[in-house]
Amino acid sequence: MSLPHFLALILVTILAAGLTVWLAHSVGLSLAIVGSAALIGAGIARLMARVE
């Protein structure tokens, strides 16, 4: 992966995180709720992708 592509991926990730925090704040959700939802979503994705 080239350096500009890698840096673009980092930039997109940071912008997506900022947009998520801004939207949660504008709707009135606390960061604890957003974090819990992200953790639950990651756990579900992990269980769905599990291959034994």
Protein backbone atom coordinates (compact mmCIF):
# COMPACT_ATOMS: atom_id res chain seq x y z
CA MET A 1 0.00 0.00 0.00
CA SER A 2 1.44 3.34 -0.99
CA LEU A 3 1.93 6.11 1.54
CA PRO A 4 -0.67 8.51 0.05
CA HIS A 5 -3.29 5.74 0.09
CA PHE A 6 -2.45 4.89 3.70
CA LEU A 7 -2.66 8.54 4.75
CA ALA A 8 -5.98 8.94 2.94
CA LEU A 9 -7.37 5.95 4.86
CA ILE A 10 -6.27 7.49 8.14
CA LEU A 11 -7.86 10.82 7.16
CA VAL A 12 -11.16 9.16 6.21
CA THR A 13 -11.20 7.23 9.49
CA ILE A 14 -10.61 10.38 11.56
CA LEU A 15 -13.29 12.30 9.62
CA ALA A 16 -15.80 9.45 10.07
CA ALA A 17 -15.12 9.38 13.81
CA GLY A 18 -15.55 13.14 14.06
CA LEU A 19 -18.79 13.00 12.09
CA THR A 20 -20.10 10.25 14.36
CA VAL A 21 -19.31 12.21 17.52
CA TRP A 22 -20.85 15.38 16.05
CA LEU A 23 -24.04 13.58 15.00
CA ALA A 24 -24.38 11.87 18.38
CA HIS A 25 -23.93 15.20 20.15
CA SER A 26 -26.43 16.99 17.92
CA VAL A 27 -29.05 14.29 18.53
CA GLY A 28 -28.37 14.33 22.27
CA LEU A 29 -26.80 10.91 22.73
CA SER A 30 -24.05 10.51 25.28
CA LEU A 31 -20.69 9.13 24.24
CA ALA A 32 -21.23 6.21 26.62
CA ILE A 33 -24.25 5.10 24.58
CA VAL A 34 -22.36 5.50 21.30
CA GLY A 35 -19.40 3.57 22.71
CA SER A 36 -21.62 0.81 24.03
CA ALA A 37 -23.35 0.50 20.65
CA ALA A 38 -19.97 0.33 18.90
CA LEU A 39 -18.75 -2.34 21.31
CA ILE A 40 -21.90 -4.43 20.89
CA GLY A 41 -21.68 -4.05 17.11
CA ALA A 42 -18.05 -5.15 17.10
CA GLY A 43 -18.91 -8.17 19.23
CA ILE A 44 -21.74 -9.17 16.90
CA ALA A 45 -19.50 -8.74 13.86
CA ARG A 46 -16.84 -10.87 15.55
CA LEU A 47 -19.30 -13.64 16.30
CA MET A 48 -20.70 -13.58 12.74
CA ALA A 49 -17.21 -13.77 11.19
CA ARG A 50 -16.01 -16.51 13.53
CA VAL A 51 -14.74 -19.59 11.73
CA GLU A 52 -13.71 -22.63 13.70
